[in-house]
Amino acid sequence: MLIRLESRRPLSPRWATPLLVLLCVVAYLAFAMAAPGRRLALLLNWGSIPYALLHPATGSWWRGRAGPAWHLVTALFMHADLPHLLGNMAFLLIFGLPVERAVGAVRLLLLFIVGGVLANFAAALSLPEAVMPIIGASGAVSTIVGTYIALFPRARLGVVLPLGAYLEFLRVPAALLIAAWILLQIAFSLYGPGFGAIAWWAHLAGFAFGLLCGLGLRAHARGRLRRAQ
Protein backbone atom coordinates (compact mmCIF):
# COMPACT_ATOMS: atom_id res chain seq x y z
CA MET A 1 0.00 0.00 0.00
CA LEU A 2 1.32 3.40 -0.95
CA ILE A 3 0.83 6.28 1.43
CA ARG A 4 1.27 9.80 0.21
CA LEU A 5 3.07 12.01 2.69
CA GLU A 6 2.55 15.75 2.44
CA SER A 7 5.96 17.36 2.32
CA ARG A 8 6.49 20.51 4.30
CA ARG A 9 8.44 23.17 2.52
CA PRO A 10 9.91 25.62 5.01
CA LEU A 11 9.55 29.23 4.02
CA SER A 12 12.71 30.93 2.85
CA PRO A 13 14.31 33.40 5.27
CA ARG A 14 12.78 36.85 5.24
CA TRP A 15 15.56 39.00 3.85
CA ALA A 16 13.78 41.55 1.65
CA THR A 17 12.29 43.61 4.50
CA PRO A 18 15.58 43.86 6.44
CA LEU A 19 17.36 44.73 3.18
CA LEU A 20 14.96 47.61 2.49
CA VAL A 21 15.40 48.88 6.04
CA LEU A 22 19.19 48.67 5.69
CA LEU A 23 19.17 50.59 2.40
CA CYS A 24 17.01 53.34 3.89
CA VAL A 25 19.22 53.60 6.97
CA VAL A 26 22.43 53.73 4.92
CA ALA A 27 20.96 56.37 2.62
CA TYR A 28 19.88 58.45 5.62
CA LEU A 29 23.32 58.19 7.27
CA ALA A 30 24.97 59.33 4.05
CA PHE A 31 22.55 62.26 3.94
CA ALA A 32 22.91 63.15 7.64
CA MET A 33 26.71 63.05 7.59
CA ALA A 34 26.97 65.25 4.48
CA ALA A 35 27.84 68.92 4.80
CA PRO A 36 24.76 71.19 5.05
CA GLY A 37 25.29 72.56 1.55
CA ARG A 38 25.66 69.07 0.16
CA ARG A 39 22.37 67.89 1.68
CA LEU A 40 20.27 70.10 -0.56
CA ALA A 41 22.14 68.79 -3.59
CA LEU A 42 21.44 65.22 -2.49
CA LEU A 43 17.72 65.96 -2.10
CA LEU A 44 17.55 67.53 -5.54
CA ASN A 45 19.62 64.75 -7.16
CA TRP A 46 17.74 61.83 -5.60
CA GLY A 47 14.32 63.18 -4.68
CA SER A 48 11.36 63.32 -7.06
CA ILE A 49 10.51 66.91 -8.06
CA PRO A 50 6.89 67.08 -9.31
CA TYR A 51 7.48 69.97 -11.71
CA ALA A 52 10.47 68.27 -13.36
CA LEU A 53 8.57 64.98 -13.56
CA LEU A 54 5.41 66.43 -15.09
CA HIS A 55 7.14 68.96 -17.36
CA PRO A 56 9.83 66.88 -19.12
CA ALA A 57 10.18 69.54 -21.82
CA THR A 58 12.05 71.68 -19.29
CA GLY A 59 14.82 69.10 -19.18
CA SER A 60 15.89 65.67 -20.24
CA TRP A 61 13.52 62.82 -19.23
CA TRP A 62 16.47 60.56 -18.52
CA ARG A 63 19.53 62.54 -17.45
CA GLY A 64 22.39 60.11 -16.99
CA ARG A 65 21.89 57.80 -14.06
CA ALA A 66 19.10 59.70 -12.33
CA GLY A 67 16.60 61.47 -14.56
CA PRO A 68 13.19 62.59 -13.27
CA ALA A 69 11.59 59.15 -13.92
CA TRP A 70 14.31 57.29 -12.01
CA HIS A 71 13.91 59.74 -9.12
CA LEU A 72 10.55 58.10 -8.35
CA VAL A 73 12.58 55.08 -7.18
CA THR A 74 15.54 56.78 -5.51
CA ALA A 75 13.21 59.09 -3.57
CA LEU A 76 11.88 56.05 -1.70
CA PHE A 77 15.17 55.65 0.16
CA MET A 78 15.66 59.31 1.13
CA HIS A 79 14.38 60.69 4.46
CA ALA A 80 14.47 64.25 5.72
CA ASP A 81 15.12 63.57 9.41
CA LEU A 82 15.40 60.82 12.00
CA PRO A 83 11.70 60.74 13.06
CA HIS A 84 10.72 60.47 9.38
CA LEU A 85 13.06 57.50 8.97
CA LEU A 86 12.18 55.75 12.24
CA GLY A 87 8.43 56.02 11.67
CA ASN A 88 8.61 54.51 8.20
CA MET A 89 11.03 51.76 9.22
CA ALA A 90 8.92 50.77 12.23
CA PHE A 91 5.83 50.37 10.03
CA LEU A 92 7.87 48.55 7.39
CA LEU A 93 9.10 45.99 9.92
CA ILE A 94 5.69 45.54 11.61
CA PHE A 95 3.79 44.96 8.37
CA GLY A 96 6.55 43.97 5.94
CA LEU A 97 7.77 40.84 7.74
CA PRO A 98 4.35 39.08 7.82
CA VAL A 99 3.61 40.15 4.23
CA GLU A 100 6.98 38.83 3.08
CA ARG A 101 6.32 35.54 4.87
CA ALA A 102 2.99 35.24 3.06
CA VAL A 103 3.98 36.29 -0.46
CA GLY A 104 7.75 35.85 -0.62
CA ALA A 105 10.72 38.18 -0.78
CA VAL A 106 10.60 38.99 -4.49
CA ARG A 107 6.93 39.96 -4.40
CA LEU A 108 7.56 42.07 -1.32
CA LEU A 109 10.29 43.96 -3.14
CA LEU A 110 8.04 44.48 -6.16
CA LEU A 111 5.21 45.73 -3.95
CA PHE A 112 7.55 48.19 -2.25
CA ILE A 113 9.13 49.54 -5.44
CA VAL A 114 6.12 49.55 -7.78
CA GLY A 115 3.73 50.75 -5.09
CA GLY A 116 6.17 53.42 -3.98
CA VAL A 117 6.67 54.67 -7.54
CA LEU A 118 2.92 54.87 -8.18
CA ALA A 119 2.39 56.58 -4.83
CA ASN A 120 5.07 59.19 -5.54
CA PHE A 121 3.59 59.79 -8.99
CA ALA A 122 0.14 60.30 -7.45
CA ALA A 123 1.68 62.77 -5.02
CA ALA A 124 3.34 64.60 -7.92
CA LEU A 125 -0.02 64.85 -9.69
CA SER A 126 -1.50 66.43 -6.56
CA LEU A 127 1.37 68.96 -6.44
CA PRO A 128 2.10 69.62 -10.14
CA GLU A 129 3.88 72.95 -9.65
CA ALA A 130 6.03 71.93 -6.67
CA VAL A 131 9.77 72.40 -7.12
CA MET A 132 10.81 70.84 -3.82
CA PRO A 133 11.42 67.10 -3.98
CA ILE A 134 9.13 64.37 -2.69
CA ILE A 135 11.16 61.95 -0.57
CA GLY A 136 10.56 59.07 1.80
CA ALA A 137 9.26 55.51 1.83
CA SER A 138 5.82 56.47 3.14
CA GLY A 139 4.00 55.61 -0.11
CA ALA A 140 5.82 52.30 -0.42
CA VAL A 141 5.16 51.43 3.23
CA SER A 142 1.49 52.33 2.75
CA THR A 143 1.44 49.80 -0.08
CA ILE A 144 2.70 47.13 2.31
CA VAL A 145 0.08 48.15 4.89
CA GLY A 146 -2.67 47.81 2.28
CA THR A 147 -1.40 44.38 1.28
CA TYR A 148 -1.25 43.32 4.94
CA ILE A 149 -4.87 44.19 5.68
CA ALA A 150 -6.00 42.39 2.51
CA LEU A 151 -4.08 39.24 3.47
CA PHE A 152 -4.81 39.33 7.21
CA PRO A 153 -8.18 41.10 7.64
CA ARG A 154 -8.78 39.54 11.07
CA ALA A 155 -5.32 40.21 12.47
CA ARG A 156 -4.86 42.04 15.77
CA LEU A 157 -2.08 44.44 16.72
CA GLY A 158 -0.73 45.16 20.17
CA VAL A 159 -1.23 48.71 21.42
CA VAL A 160 0.18 50.20 24.62
CA LEU A 161 -2.05 52.85 26.20
CA PRO A 162 -0.82 55.11 29.04
CA LEU A 163 -3.45 55.09 31.79
CA GLY A 164 -2.24 57.39 34.53
CA ALA A 165 0.84 55.84 36.09
CA TYR A 166 0.28 52.52 34.33
CA LEU A 167 0.68 51.18 30.82
CA GLU A 168 -2.12 48.99 29.50
CA PHE A 169 -1.40 46.52 26.69
CA LEU A 170 -4.36 45.89 24.39
CA ARG A 171 -4.84 43.78 21.30
CA VAL A 172 -6.87 45.80 18.81
CA PRO A 173 -8.14 44.67 15.38
CA ALA A 174 -5.64 45.80 12.75
CA ALA A 175 -8.51 46.75 10.44
CA LEU A 176 -9.79 49.25 13.03
CA LEU A 177 -6.41 50.92 13.48
CA ILE A 178 -5.72 51.05 9.75
CA ALA A 179 -9.21 52.43 9.04
CA ALA A 180 -8.57 55.24 11.53
CA TRP A 181 -5.22 55.91 9.86
CA ILE A 182 -6.87 56.07 6.42
CA LEU A 183 -9.49 58.55 7.67
CA LEU A 184 -6.69 60.74 9.02
CA GLN A 185 -4.89 60.63 5.66
CA ILE A 186 -8.07 61.67 3.86
CA ALA A 187 -8.64 64.52 6.31
CA PHE A 188 -5.03 65.68 6.01
CA SER A 189 -5.11 65.51 2.20
CA LEU A 190 -8.20 67.75 2.16
CA TYR A 191 -6.69 70.36 4.47
CA GLY A 192 -3.30 70.16 2.75
CA PRO A 193 -0.45 72.44 3.91
CA GLY A 194 -2.20 73.18 7.17
CA PHE A 195 -0.92 69.82 8.43
CA GLY A 196 2.64 70.13 7.16
CA ALA A 197 4.67 69.60 4.00
CA ILE A 198 3.68 65.96 3.53
CA ALA A 199 2.53 64.29 0.32
CA TRP A 200 -0.64 62.81 1.82
CA TRP A 201 -1.87 61.48 -1.52
CA ALA A 202 1.19 59.21 -1.69
CA HIS A 203 -0.11 57.43 1.40
CA LEU A 204 -3.62 57.00 0.00
CA ALA A 205 -2.47 55.89 -3.45
CA GLY A 206 0.05 53.46 -2.02
CA PHE A 207 -2.51 51.93 0.34
CA ALA A 208 -5.08 51.51 -2.44
CA PHE A 209 -2.54 49.83 -4.71
CA GLY A 210 -1.39 47.52 -1.92
CA LEU A 211 -4.97 46.60 -1.02
CA LEU A 212 -5.72 45.58 -4.61
CA CYS A 213 -2.50 43.59 -4.88
CA GLY A 214 -3.19 41.89 -1.56
CA LEU A 215 -6.64 40.81 -2.71
CA GLY A 216 -5.08 39.36 -5.86
CA LEU A 217 -2.38 37.54 -3.86
CA ARG A 218 -4.70 35.99 -1.26
CA ALA A 219 -4.91 32.55 -2.85
CA HIS A 220 -1.15 32.40 -3.39
CA ALA A 221 -0.44 33.53 0.18
CA ARG A 222 -2.85 31.02 1.73
CA GLY A 223 -1.35 28.17 -0.26
CA ARG A 224 2.17 29.24 0.64
CA LEU A 225 1.41 29.50 4.35
CA ARG A 226 -0.51 26.20 4.31
CA ARG A 227 2.41 24.34 2.76
CA ALA A 228 4.74 25.66 5.45
CA GLN A 229 2.57 24.42 8.33
C-alpha atoms as a PDB file:
ATOM      1  CA  MET A   1       0.000   0.000   0.000  1.00  0.00           C
ATOM      2  CA  LEU A   2       1.322   3.403  -0.951  1.00  0.00           C
ATOM      3  CA  ILE A   3       0.834   6.282   1.428  1.00  0.00           C
ATOM      4  CA  ARG A   4       1.271   9.802   0.214  1.00  0.00           C
ATOM      5  CA  LEU A   5       3.069  12.013   2.692  1.00  0.00           C
ATOM      6  CA  GLU A   6       2.546  15.754   2.441  1.00  0.00           C
ATOM      7  CA  SER A   7       5.956  17.364   2.322  1.00  0.00           C
ATOM      8  CA  ARG A   8       6.491  20.511   4.298  1.00  0.00           C
ATOM      9  CA  ARG A   9       8.442  23.166   2.516  1.00  0.00           C
ATOM     10  CA  PRO A  10       9.913  25.619   5.010  1.00  0.00           C
ATOM     11  CA  LEU A  11       9.553  29.229   4.016  1.00  0.00           C
ATOM     12  CA  SER A  12      12.712  30.927   2.850  1.00  0.00           C
ATOM     13  CA  PRO A  13      14.307  33.401   5.275  1.00  0.00           C
ATOM     14  CA  ARG A  14      12.779  36.853   5.244  1.00  0.00           C
ATOM     15  CA  TRP A  15      15.561  38.997   3.851  1.00  0.00           C
ATOM     16  CA  ALA A  16      13.776  41.551   1.654  1.00  0.00           C
ATOM     17  CA  THR A  17      12.289  43.606   4.495  1.00  0.00           C
ATOM     18  CA  PRO A  18      15.584  43.858   6.442  1.00  0.00           C
ATOM     19  CA  LEU A  19      17.360  44.726   3.182  1.00  0.00           C
ATOM     20  CA  LEU A  20      14.964  47.607   2.489  1.00  0.00           C
ATOM     21  CA  VAL A  21      15.405  48.876   6.042  1.00  0.00           C
ATOM     22  CA  LEU A  22      19.193  48.668   5.690  1.00  0.00           C
ATOM     23  CA  LEU A  23      19.165  50.589   2.397  1.00  0.00           C
ATOM     24  CA  CYS A  24      17.015  53.339   3.887  1.00  0.00           C
ATOM     25  CA  VAL A  25      19.217  53.598   6.975  1.00  0.00           C
ATOM     26  CA  VAL A  26      22.429  53.727   4.923  1.00  0.00           C
ATOM     27  CA  ALA A  27      20.956  56.373   2.621  1.00  0.00           C
ATOM     28  CA  TYR A  28      19.882  58.455   5.618  1.00  0.00           C
ATOM     29  CA  LEU A  29      23.316  58.189   7.275  1.00  0.00           C
ATOM     30  CA  ALA A  30      24.974  59.329   4.049  1.00  0.00           C
ATOM     31  CA  PHE A  31      22.549  62.256   3.940  1.00  0.00           C
ATOM     32  CA  ALA A  32      22.907  63.154   7.639  1.00  0.00           C
ATOM     33  CA  MET A  33      26.709  63.054   7.586  1.00  0.00           C
ATOM     34  CA  ALA A  34      26.972  65.248   4.483  1.00  0.00           C
ATOM     35  CA  ALA A  35      27.844  68.916   4.796  1.00  0.00           C
ATOM     36  CA  PRO A  36      24.762  71.188   5.045  1.00  0.00           C
ATOM     37  CA  GLY A  37      25.289  72.557   1.554  1.00  0.00           C
ATOM     38  CA  ARG A  38      25.664  69.071   0.159  1.00  0.00           C
ATOM     39  CA  ARG A  39      22.369  67.888   1.677  1.00  0.00           C
ATOM     40  CA  LEU A  40      20.269  70.100  -0.558  1.00  0.00           C
ATOM     41  CA  ALA A  41      22.136  68.786  -3.592  1.00  0.00           C
ATOM     42  CA  LEU A  42      21.435  65.217  -2.487  1.00  0.00           C
ATOM     43  CA  LEU A  43      17.722  65.956  -2.096  1.00  0.00           C
ATOM     44  CA  LEU A  44      17.550  67.525  -5.539  1.00  0.00           C
ATOM     45  CA  ASN A  45      19.616  64.750  -7.158  1.00  0.00           C
ATOM     46  CA  TRP A  46      17.741  61.826  -5.605  1.00  0.00           C
ATOM     47  CA  GLY A  47      14.318  63.184  -4.678  1.00  0.00           C
ATOM     48  CA  SER A  48      11.359  63.318  -7.064  1.00  0.00           C
ATOM     49  CA  ILE A  49      10.508  66.906  -8.062  1.00  0.00           C
ATOM     50  CA  PRO A  50       6.893  67.076  -9.307  1.00  0.00           C
ATOM     51  CA  TYR A  51       7.479  69.969 -11.708  1.00  0.00           C
ATOM     52  CA  ALA A  52      10.470  68.265 -13.357  1.00  0.00           C
ATOM     53  CA  LEU A  53       8.574  64.978 -13.558  1.00  0.00           C
ATOM     54  CA  LEU A  54       5.411  66.429 -15.092  1.00  0.00           C
ATOM     55  CA  HIS A  55       7.142  68.955 -17.357  1.00  0.00           C
ATOM     56  CA  PRO A  56       9.828  66.885 -19.120  1.00  0.00           C
ATOM     57  CA  ALA A  57      10.183  69.544 -21.817  1.00  0.00           C
ATOM     58  CA  THR A  58      12.046  71.678 -19.287  1.00  0.00           C
ATOM     59  CA  GLY A  59      14.823  69.102 -19.177  1.00  0.00           C
ATOM     60  CA  SER A  60      15.889  65.669 -20.238  1.00  0.00           C
ATOM     61  CA  TRP A  61      13.515  62.815 -19.226  1.00  0.00           C
ATOM     62  CA  TRP A  62      16.468  60.563 -18.519  1.00  0.00           C
ATOM     63  CA  ARG A  63      19.534  62.535 -17.451  1.00  0.00           C
ATOM     64  CA  GLY A  64      22.385  60.114 -16.985  1.00  0.00           C
ATOM     65  CA  ARG A  65      21.887  57.800 -14.064  1.00  0.00           C
ATOM     66  CA  ALA A  66      19.096  59.703 -12.333  1.00  0.00           C
ATOM     67  CA  GLY A  67      16.598  61.465 -14.563  1.00  0.00           C
ATOM     68  CA  PRO A  68      13.189  62.588 -13.266  1.00  0.00           C
ATOM     69  CA  ALA A  69      11.594  59.155 -13.915  1.00  0.00           C
ATOM     70  CA  TRP A  70      14.307  57.290 -12.007  1.00  0.00           C
ATOM     71  CA  HIS A  71      13.905  59.738  -9.121  1.00  0.00           C
ATOM     72  CA  LEU A  72      10.550  58.097  -8.348  1.00  0.00           C
ATOM     73  CA  VAL A  73      12.577  55.081  -7.184  1.00  0.00           C
ATOM     74  CA  THR A  74      15.544  56.780  -5.515  1.00  0.00           C
ATOM     75  CA  ALA A  75      13.212  59.092  -3.571  1.00  0.00           C
ATOM     76  CA  LEU A  76      11.879  56.055  -1.698  1.00  0.00           C
ATOM     77  CA  PHE A  77      15.172  55.653   0.161  1.00  0.00           C
ATOM     78  CA  MET A  78      15.664  59.307   1.131  1.00  0.00           C
ATOM     79  CA  HIS A  79      14.384  60.691   4.457  1.00  0.00           C
ATOM     80  CA  ALA A  80      14.470  64.247   5.723  1.00  0.00           C
ATOM     81  CA  ASP A  81      15.119  63.569   9.406  1.00  0.00           C
ATOM     82  CA  LEU A  82      15.395  60.816  12.003  1.00  0.00           C
ATOM     83  CA  PRO A  83      11.700  60.738  13.065  1.00  0.00           C
ATOM     84  CA  HIS A  84      10.717  60.472   9.383  1.00  0.00           C
ATOM     85  CA  LEU A  85      13.062  57.500   8.975  1.00  0.00           C
ATOM     86  CA  LEU A  86      12.180  55.746  12.237  1.00  0.00           C
ATOM     87  CA  GLY A  87       8.434  56.021  11.666  1.00  0.00           C
ATOM     88  CA  ASN A  88       8.614  54.515   8.200  1.00  0.00           C
ATOM     89  CA  MET A  89      11.028  51.764   9.216  1.00  0.00           C
ATOM     90  CA  ALA A  90       8.915  50.774  12.227  1.00  0.00           C
ATOM     91  CA  PHE A  91       5.831  50.371  10.031  1.00  0.00           C
ATOM     92  CA  LEU A  92       7.869  48.553   7.389  1.00  0.00           C
ATOM     93  CA  LEU A  93       9.098  45.985   9.920  1.00  0.00           C
ATOM     94  CA  ILE A  94       5.694  45.541  11.609  1.00  0.00           C
ATOM     95  CA  PHE A  95       3.795  44.961   8.372  1.00  0.00           C
ATOM     96  CA  GLY A  96       6.553  43.973   5.942  1.00  0.00           C
ATOM     97  CA  LEU A  97       7.769  40.844   7.740  1.00  0.00           C
ATOM     98  CA  PRO A  98       4.354  39.075   7.820  1.00  0.00           C
ATOM     99  CA  VAL A  99       3.614  40.151   4.230  1.00  0.00           C
ATOM    100  CA  GLU A 100       6.982  38.833   3.082  1.00  0.00           C
ATOM    101  CA  ARG A 101       6.321  35.540   4.865  1.00  0.00           C
ATOM    102  CA  ALA A 102       2.995  35.243   3.062  1.00  0.00           C
ATOM    103  CA  VAL A 103       3.976  36.295  -0.465  1.00  0.00           C
ATOM    104  CA  GLY A 104       7.752  35.852  -0.625  1.00  0.00           C
ATOM    105  CA  ALA A 105      10.719  38.184  -0.778  1.00  0.00           C
ATOM    106  CA  VAL A 106      10.601  38.995  -4.492  1.00  0.00           C
ATOM    107  CA  ARG A 107       6.925  39.955  -4.405  1.00  0.00           C
ATOM    108  CA  LEU A 108       7.556  42.067  -1.318  1.00  0.00           C
ATOM    109  CA  LEU A 109      10.291  43.964  -3.141  1.00  0.00           C
ATOM    110  CA  LEU A 110       8.041  44.480  -6.161  1.00  0.00           C
ATOM    111  CA  LEU A 111       5.212  45.729  -3.947  1.00  0.00           C
ATOM    112  CA  PHE A 112       7.546  48.189  -2.250  1.00  0.00           C
ATOM    113  CA  ILE A 113       9.129  49.544  -5.444  1.00  0.00           C
ATOM    114  CA  VAL A 114       6.119  49.555  -7.777  1.00  0.00           C
ATOM    115  CA  GLY A 115       3.729  50.746  -5.092  1.00  0.00           C
ATOM    116  CA  GLY A 116       6.168  53.420  -3.981  1.00  0.00           C
ATOM    117  CA  VAL A 117       6.675  54.672  -7.535  1.00  0.00           C
ATOM    118  CA  LEU A 118       2.919  54.870  -8.176  1.00  0.00           C
ATOM    119  CA  ALA A 119       2.390  56.584  -4.827  1.00  0.00           C
ATOM    120  CA  ASN A 120       5.072  59.190  -5.543  1.00  0.00           C
ATOM    121  CA  PHE A 121       3.591  59.786  -8.987  1.00  0.00           C
ATOM    122  CA  ALA A 122       0.143  60.303  -7.455  1.00  0.00           C
ATOM    123  CA  ALA A 123       1.681  62.774  -5.016  1.00  0.00           C
ATOM    124  CA  ALA A 124       3.339  64.600  -7.919  1.00  0.00           C
ATOM    125  CA  LEU A 125      -0.025  64.855  -9.690  1.00  0.00           C
ATOM    126  CA  SER A 126      -1.499  66.429  -6.561  1.00  0.00           C
ATOM    127  CA  LEU A 127       1.372  68.962  -6.442  1.00  0.00           C
ATOM    128  CA  PRO A 128       2.101  69.619 -10.144  1.00  0.00           C
ATOM    129  CA  GLU A 129       3.882  72.945  -9.655  1.00  0.00           C
ATOM    130  CA  ALA A 130       6.025  71.933  -6.670  1.00  0.00           C
ATOM    131  CA  VAL A 131       9.772  72.402  -7.122  1.00  0.00           C
ATOM    132  CA  MET A 132      10.815  70.840  -3.817  1.00  0.00           C
ATOM    133  CA  PRO A 133      11.424  67.098  -3.978  1.00  0.00           C
ATOM    134  CA  ILE A 134       9.127  64.370  -2.686  1.00  0.00           C
ATOM    135  CA  ILE A 135      11.158  61.953  -0.566  1.00  0.00           C
ATOM    136  CA  GLY A 136      10.564  59.068   1.798  1.00  0.00           C
ATOM    137  CA  ALA A 137       9.265  55.510   1.832  1.00  0.00           C
ATOM    138  CA  SER A 138       5.815  56.472   3.140  1.00  0.00           C
ATOM    139  CA  GLY A 139       4.001  55.615  -0.106  1.00  0.00           C
ATOM    140  CA  ALA A 140       5.817  52.301  -0.417  1.00  0.00           C
ATOM    141  CA  VAL A 141       5.161  51.435   3.234  1.00  0.00           C
ATOM    142  CA  SER A 142       1.495  52.330   2.754  1.00  0.00           C
ATOM    143  CA  THR A 143       1.444  49.799  -0.085  1.00  0.00           C
ATOM    144  CA  ILE A 144       2.703  47.135   2.312  1.00  0.00           C
ATOM    145  CA  VAL A 145       0.077  48.147   4.894  1.00  0.00           C
ATOM    146  CA  GLY A 146      -2.666  47.814   2.284  1.00  0.00           C
ATOM    147  CA  THR A 147      -1.398  44.377   1.283  1.00  0.00           C
ATOM    148  CA  TYR A 148      -1.254  43.322   4.936  1.00  0.00           C
ATOM    149  CA  ILE A 149      -4.871  44.188   5.676  1.00  0.00           C
ATOM    150  CA  ALA A 150      -5.997  42.386   2.505  1.00  0.00           C
ATOM    151  CA  LEU A 151      -4.076  39.236   3.470  1.00  0.00           C
ATOM    152  CA  PHE A 152      -4.813  39.334   7.209  1.00  0.00           C
ATOM    153  CA  PRO A 153      -8.180  41.103   7.642  1.00  0.00           C
ATOM    154  CA  ARG A 154      -8.780  39.538  11.073  1.00  0.00           C
ATOM    155  CA  ALA A 155      -5.316  40.214  12.472  1.00  0.00           C
ATOM    156  CA  ARG A 156      -4.859  42.038  15.768  1.00  0.00           C
ATOM    157  CA  LEU A 157      -2.082  44.435  16.719  1.00  0.00           C
ATOM    158  CA  GLY A 158      -0.732  45.164  20.173  1.00  0.00           C
ATOM    159  CA  VAL A 159      -1.230  48.707  21.418  1.00  0.00           C
ATOM    160  CA  VAL A 160       0.179  50.200  24.621  1.00  0.00           C
ATOM    161  CA  LEU A 161      -2.054  52.852  26.203  1.00  0.00           C
ATOM    162  CA  PRO A 162      -0.818  55.112  29.037  1.00  0.00           C
ATOM    163  CA  LEU A 163      -3.451  55.087  31.786  1.00  0.00           C
ATOM    164  CA  GLY A 164      -2.239  57.387  34.535  1.00  0.00           C
ATOM    165  CA  ALA A 165       0.844  55.840  36.090  1.00  0.00           C
ATOM    166  CA  TYR A 166       0.276  52.520  34.328  1.00  0.00           C
ATOM    167  CA  LEU A 167       0.679  51.184  30.818  1.00  0.00           C
ATOM    168  CA  GLU A 168      -2.119  48.990  29.497  1.00  0.00           C
ATOM    169  CA  PHE A 169      -1.402  46.519  26.692  1.00  0.00           C
ATOM    170  CA  LEU A 170      -4.357  45.891  24.390  1.00  0.00           C
ATOM    171  CA  ARG A 171      -4.841  43.777  21.298  1.00  0.00           C
ATOM    172  CA  VAL A 172      -6.874  45.802  18.810  1.00  0.00           C
ATOM    173  CA  PRO A 173      -8.140  44.672  15.385  1.00  0.00           C
ATOM    174  CA  ALA A 174      -5.639  45.799  12.752  1.00  0.00           C
ATOM    175  CA  ALA A 175      -8.509  46.750  10.437  1.00  0.00           C
ATOM    176  CA  LEU A 176      -9.788  49.248  13.026  1.00  0.00           C
ATOM    177  CA  LEU A 177      -6.411  50.920  13.479  1.00  0.00           C
ATOM    178  CA  ILE A 178      -5.718  51.053   9.750  1.00  0.00           C
ATOM    179  CA  ALA A 179      -9.206  52.426   9.042  1.00  0.00           C
ATOM    180  CA  ALA A 180      -8.568  55.236  11.529  1.00  0.00           C
ATOM    181  CA  TRP A 181      -5.221  55.913   9.857  1.00  0.00           C
ATOM    182  CA  ILE A 182      -6.873  56.071   6.415  1.00  0.00           C
ATOM    183  CA  LEU A 183      -9.492  58.554   7.674  1.00  0.00           C
ATOM    184  CA  LEU A 184      -6.691  60.738   9.015  1.00  0.00           C
ATOM    185  CA  GLN A 185      -4.890  60.632   5.661  1.00  0.00           C
ATOM    186  CA  ILE A 186      -8.075  61.671   3.860  1.00  0.00           C
ATOM    187  CA  ALA A 187      -8.636  64.524   6.309  1.00  0.00           C
ATOM    188  CA  PHE A 188      -5.026  65.684   6.011  1.00  0.00           C
ATOM    189  CA  SER A 189      -5.111  65.515   2.200  1.00  0.00           C
ATOM    190  CA  LEU A 190      -8.200  67.749   2.165  1.00  0.00           C
ATOM    191  CA  TYR A 191      -6.694  70.364   4.472  1.00  0.00           C
ATOM    192  CA  GLY A 192      -3.296  70.159   2.750  1.00  0.00           C
ATOM    193  CA  PRO A 193      -0.453  72.438   3.908  1.00  0.00           C
ATOM    194  CA  GLY A 194      -2.196  73.179   7.175  1.00  0.00           C
ATOM    195  CA  PHE A 195      -0.920  69.824   8.427  1.00  0.00           C
ATOM    196  CA  GLY A 196       2.644  70.134   7.164  1.00  0.00           C
ATOM    197  CA  ALA A 197       4.667  69.598   3.996  1.00  0.00           C
ATOM    198  CA  ILE A 198       3.680  65.965   3.531  1.00  0.00           C
ATOM    199  CA  ALA A 199       2.533  64.288   0.316  1.00  0.00           C
ATOM    200  CA  TRP A 200      -0.638  62.807   1.822  1.00  0.00           C
ATOM    201  CA  TRP A 201      -1.873  61.484  -1.517  1.00  0.00           C
ATOM    202  CA  ALA A 202       1.186  59.214  -1.687  1.00  0.00           C
ATOM    203  CA  HIS A 203      -0.114  57.427   1.404  1.00  0.00           C
ATOM    204  CA  LEU A 204      -3.617  56.997   0.003  1.00  0.00           C
ATOM    205  CA  ALA A 205      -2.474  55.891  -3.449  1.00  0.00           C
ATOM    206  CA  GLY A 206       0.054  53.457  -2.019  1.00  0.00           C
ATOM    207  CA  PHE A 207      -2.508  51.931   0.338  1.00  0.00           C
ATOM    208  CA  ALA A 208      -5.084  51.513  -2.438  1.00  0.00           C
ATOM    209  CA  PHE A 209      -2.540  49.826  -4.710  1.00  0.00           C
ATOM    210  CA  GLY A 210      -1.392  47.516  -1.923  1.00  0.00           C
ATOM    211  CA  LEU A 211      -4.967  46.600  -1.024  1.00  0.00           C
ATOM    212  CA  LEU A 212      -5.723  45.584  -4.613  1.00  0.00           C
ATOM    213  CA  CYS A 213      -2.497  43.591  -4.877  1.00  0.00           C
ATOM    214  CA  GLY A 214      -3.194  41.885  -1.564  1.00  0.00           C
ATOM    215  CA  LEU A 215      -6.639  40.806  -2.712  1.00  0.00           C
ATOM    216  CA  GLY A 216      -5.077  39.357  -5.863  1.00  0.00           C
ATOM    217  CA  LEU A 217      -2.385  37.543  -3.856  1.00  0.00           C
ATOM    218  CA  ARG A 218      -4.705  35.993  -1.259  1.00  0.00           C
ATOM    219  CA  ALA A 219      -4.905  32.552  -2.851  1.00  0.00           C
ATOM    220  CA  HIS A 220      -1.150  32.401  -3.386  1.00  0.00           C
ATOM    221  CA  ALA A 221      -0.440  33.530   0.177  1.00  0.00           C
ATOM    222  CA  ARG A 222      -2.847  31.016   1.734  1.00  0.00           C
ATOM    223  CA  GLY A 223      -1.346  28.167  -0.260  1.00  0.00           C
ATOM    224  CA  ARG A 224       2.170  29.240   0.640  1.00  0.00           C
ATOM    225  CA  LEU A 225       1.407  29.496   4.348  1.00  0.00           C
ATOM    226  CA  ARG A 226      -0.514  26.198   4.314  1.00  0.00           C
ATOM    227  CA  ARG A 227       2.410  24.339   2.759  1.00  0.00           C
ATOM    228  CA  ALA A 228       4.737  25.665   5.451  1.00  0.00           C
ATOM    229  CA  GLN A 229       2.572  24.423   8.329  1.00  0.00           C
END
